[in-house]
Amino acid sequence: MLIRPATIADIPSILKLERQSATAGHWTEEQYRQALQHGGAARLVLIAEDSGAVPIGFLVALHLAPEWELENIVVVPSVRRKGLGKQLLDSLLAAAHETCSTSVFLEVRESNAVARSLYEKAGFEQTGRRNSYYTNPPEDAIRYRRTLR
């Protein structure tokens, strides 16, 4: 498996992966294009590929110095619970350390027990709740933060 920076050419694969995950943040092609272009907000967009160079996951995070916000993380259902989500998350944490950031934060659907477990095992702590934050279906978001210093 390879985790690498995503490129504009990866957008169709990212969209396909995202559409396979009901709990993912759903962005437009243009939003991904903007995330991958330099000159705007500082974003980290990573793509994970299997040994055949087939995309099997991705991560998008926004650098809001001195913090990072995990905006989206997706792993295809067939390889979930095999460590790929942790590897993507570890890549974000490494970038956060390299930029001397103080923390990484995120929101996740309250019902997404698998993701919540991943974040808690990675040292994230629950810091709050956003009532009715998500739609389709309506659901609260649980806020998490991992302090790095």
Protein backbone atom coordinates (compact mmCIF):
# COMPACT_ATOMS: atom_id res chain seq x y z
CA MET A 1 0.00 0.00 0.00
CA LEU A 2 1.11 3.53 -0.83
CA ILE A 3 -0.07 6.80 0.69
CA ARG A 4 0.84 9.80 -1.44
CA PRO A 5 -0.24 13.40 -2.04
CA ALA A 6 -3.30 13.50 -4.28
CA THR A 7 -3.32 15.35 -7.59
CA ILE A 8 -6.04 16.86 -9.77
CA ALA A 9 -6.00 13.59 -11.75
CA ASP A 10 -7.17 11.77 -8.58
CA ILE A 11 -10.43 13.72 -8.28
CA PRO A 12 -12.59 11.14 -10.15
CA SER A 13 -11.26 8.39 -7.86
CA ILE A 14 -11.80 10.51 -4.75
CA LEU A 15 -15.38 11.23 -5.79
CA LYS A 16 -16.00 7.53 -6.44
CA LEU A 17 -14.58 6.58 -3.03
CA GLU A 18 -16.55 9.29 -1.28
CA ARG A 19 -19.83 8.19 -2.87
CA GLN A 20 -19.28 4.68 -1.47
CA SER A 21 -19.30 6.03 2.08
CA ALA A 22 -22.55 7.30 3.56
CA THR A 23 -20.70 8.87 6.50
CA ALA A 24 -18.20 10.83 4.38
CA GLY A 25 -18.41 14.54 3.81
CA HIS A 26 -19.76 14.94 0.29
CA TRP A 27 -17.96 17.59 -1.72
CA THR A 28 -18.32 18.70 -5.31
CA GLU A 29 -15.67 18.14 -7.93
CA GLU A 30 -14.91 21.87 -7.79
CA GLN A 31 -14.39 21.77 -4.02
CA TYR A 32 -11.81 18.99 -4.44
CA ARG A 33 -10.18 20.90 -7.29
CA GLN A 34 -9.85 23.97 -5.04
CA ALA A 35 -8.49 21.82 -2.21
CA LEU A 36 -5.75 20.54 -4.51
CA GLN A 37 -4.79 23.91 -5.99
CA HIS A 38 -2.09 25.92 -4.30
CA GLY A 39 -2.52 29.55 -3.44
CA GLY A 40 -5.68 29.15 -1.37
CA ALA A 41 -6.12 27.53 1.99
CA ALA A 42 -3.34 25.13 2.98
CA ARG A 43 -4.80 21.66 2.61
CA LEU A 44 -3.34 18.21 2.85
CA VAL A 45 -5.01 15.80 0.45
CA LEU A 46 -3.71 12.24 0.53
CA ILE A 47 -4.71 9.20 -1.47
CA ALA A 48 -4.04 5.59 -0.52
CA GLU A 49 -3.51 2.98 -3.22
CA ASP A 50 -3.28 -0.78 -3.05
CA SER A 51 -0.39 -2.69 -4.63
CA GLY A 52 -2.10 -2.42 -8.03
CA ALA A 53 -2.29 1.40 -7.76
CA VAL A 54 -6.05 1.24 -7.23
CA PRO A 55 -7.29 4.03 -4.90
CA ILE A 56 -8.68 2.56 -1.67
CA GLY A 57 -8.86 5.60 0.60
CA PHE A 58 -8.19 9.29 1.02
CA LEU A 59 -7.90 12.06 3.58
CA VAL A 60 -8.46 15.83 3.40
CA ALA A 61 -7.31 18.20 6.14
CA LEU A 62 -7.15 21.98 6.42
CA HIS A 63 -4.24 23.78 8.09
CA LEU A 64 -5.57 26.64 10.20
CA ALA A 65 -2.29 27.52 11.92
CA PRO A 66 -1.56 26.55 14.58
CA GLU A 67 -4.15 23.76 14.16
CA TRP A 68 -5.30 21.23 11.59
CA GLU A 69 -8.90 20.24 10.90
CA LEU A 70 -9.56 16.75 9.58
CA GLU A 71 -12.27 17.43 7.00
CA ASN A 72 -12.77 14.04 5.40
CA ILE A 73 -11.37 10.52 5.63
CA VAL A 74 -12.66 7.57 3.61
CA VAL A 75 -11.59 3.94 3.35
CA VAL A 76 -13.32 1.54 0.95
CA PRO A 77 -15.53 -0.97 2.77
CA SER A 78 -13.50 -4.00 1.60
CA VAL A 79 -10.35 -2.86 3.46
CA ARG A 80 -11.86 -1.25 6.55
CA ARG A 81 -10.56 -2.38 9.94
CA LYS A 82 -7.19 -3.31 8.45
CA GLY A 83 -5.23 -0.24 9.56
CA LEU A 84 -5.55 2.03 6.53
CA GLY A 85 -7.59 4.67 8.37
CA LYS A 86 -4.93 4.72 11.09
CA GLN A 87 -2.17 5.09 8.49
CA LEU A 88 -3.96 8.02 6.86
CA LEU A 89 -4.55 9.60 10.27
CA ASP A 90 -0.90 9.05 11.23
CA SER A 91 0.13 10.85 8.02
CA LEU A 92 -1.95 13.84 9.06
CA LEU A 93 -0.47 13.80 12.57
CA ALA A 94 3.04 13.70 11.07
CA ALA A 95 2.21 16.76 8.93
CA ALA A 96 0.85 18.50 12.02
CA HIS A 97 4.10 17.84 13.89
CA GLU A 98 6.17 19.05 10.91
CA THR A 99 4.25 22.35 10.90
CA CYS A 100 4.71 22.76 14.68
CA SER A 101 0.95 22.71 15.10
CA THR A 102 -0.69 22.58 18.51
CA SER A 103 -3.62 20.28 17.75
CA VAL A 104 -5.81 18.44 15.27
CA PHE A 105 -9.59 18.62 15.54
CA LEU A 106 -12.58 17.10 13.75
CA GLU A 107 -16.30 16.41 13.85
CA VAL A 108 -17.82 12.98 13.30
CA ARG A 109 -21.36 11.63 13.16
CA GLU A 110 -22.44 10.44 16.58
CA SER A 111 -23.47 7.06 15.09
CA ASN A 112 -20.11 6.44 13.40
CA ALA A 113 -18.76 4.14 16.11
CA VAL A 114 -15.93 2.76 13.96
CA ALA A 115 -14.50 6.21 13.23
CA ARG A 116 -14.98 7.36 16.81
CA SER A 117 -13.06 4.30 18.03
CA LEU A 118 -10.24 5.05 15.58
CA TYR A 119 -9.96 8.64 16.81
CA GLU A 120 -10.06 7.67 20.47
CA LYS A 121 -7.36 5.01 19.97
CA ALA A 122 -5.25 7.69 18.25
CA GLY A 123 -5.43 9.91 21.33
CA PHE A 124 -8.29 12.23 20.36
CA GLU A 125 -10.55 13.39 23.17
CA GLN A 126 -14.20 14.31 22.89
CA THR A 127 -14.58 18.06 23.36
CA GLY A 128 -18.20 18.77 22.56
CA ARG A 129 -21.22 18.26 20.40
CA ARG A 130 -22.88 20.12 17.53
CA ASN A 131 -26.61 19.49 17.67
CA SER A 132 -28.23 18.57 14.34
CA TYR A 133 -24.97 19.34 12.49
CA TYR A 134 -25.48 16.67 9.82
CA THR A 135 -28.35 16.21 7.40
CA ASN A 136 -29.52 13.18 5.39
CA PRO A 137 -30.13 11.83 8.00
CA PRO A 138 -30.15 14.54 10.64
CA GLU A 139 -27.66 13.78 13.37
CA ASP A 140 -25.45 15.40 15.98
CA ALA A 141 -21.71 15.76 15.42
CA ILE A 142 -19.26 14.80 18.13
CA ARG A 143 -16.23 17.09 18.29
CA TYR A 144 -12.78 15.65 18.95
CA ARG A 145 -9.36 17.19 19.48
CA ARG A 146 -5.86 15.83 19.90
CA THR A 147 -3.39 18.17 21.52
CA LEU A 148 0.13 17.81 20.11
CA ARG A 149 2.13 19.84 22.62
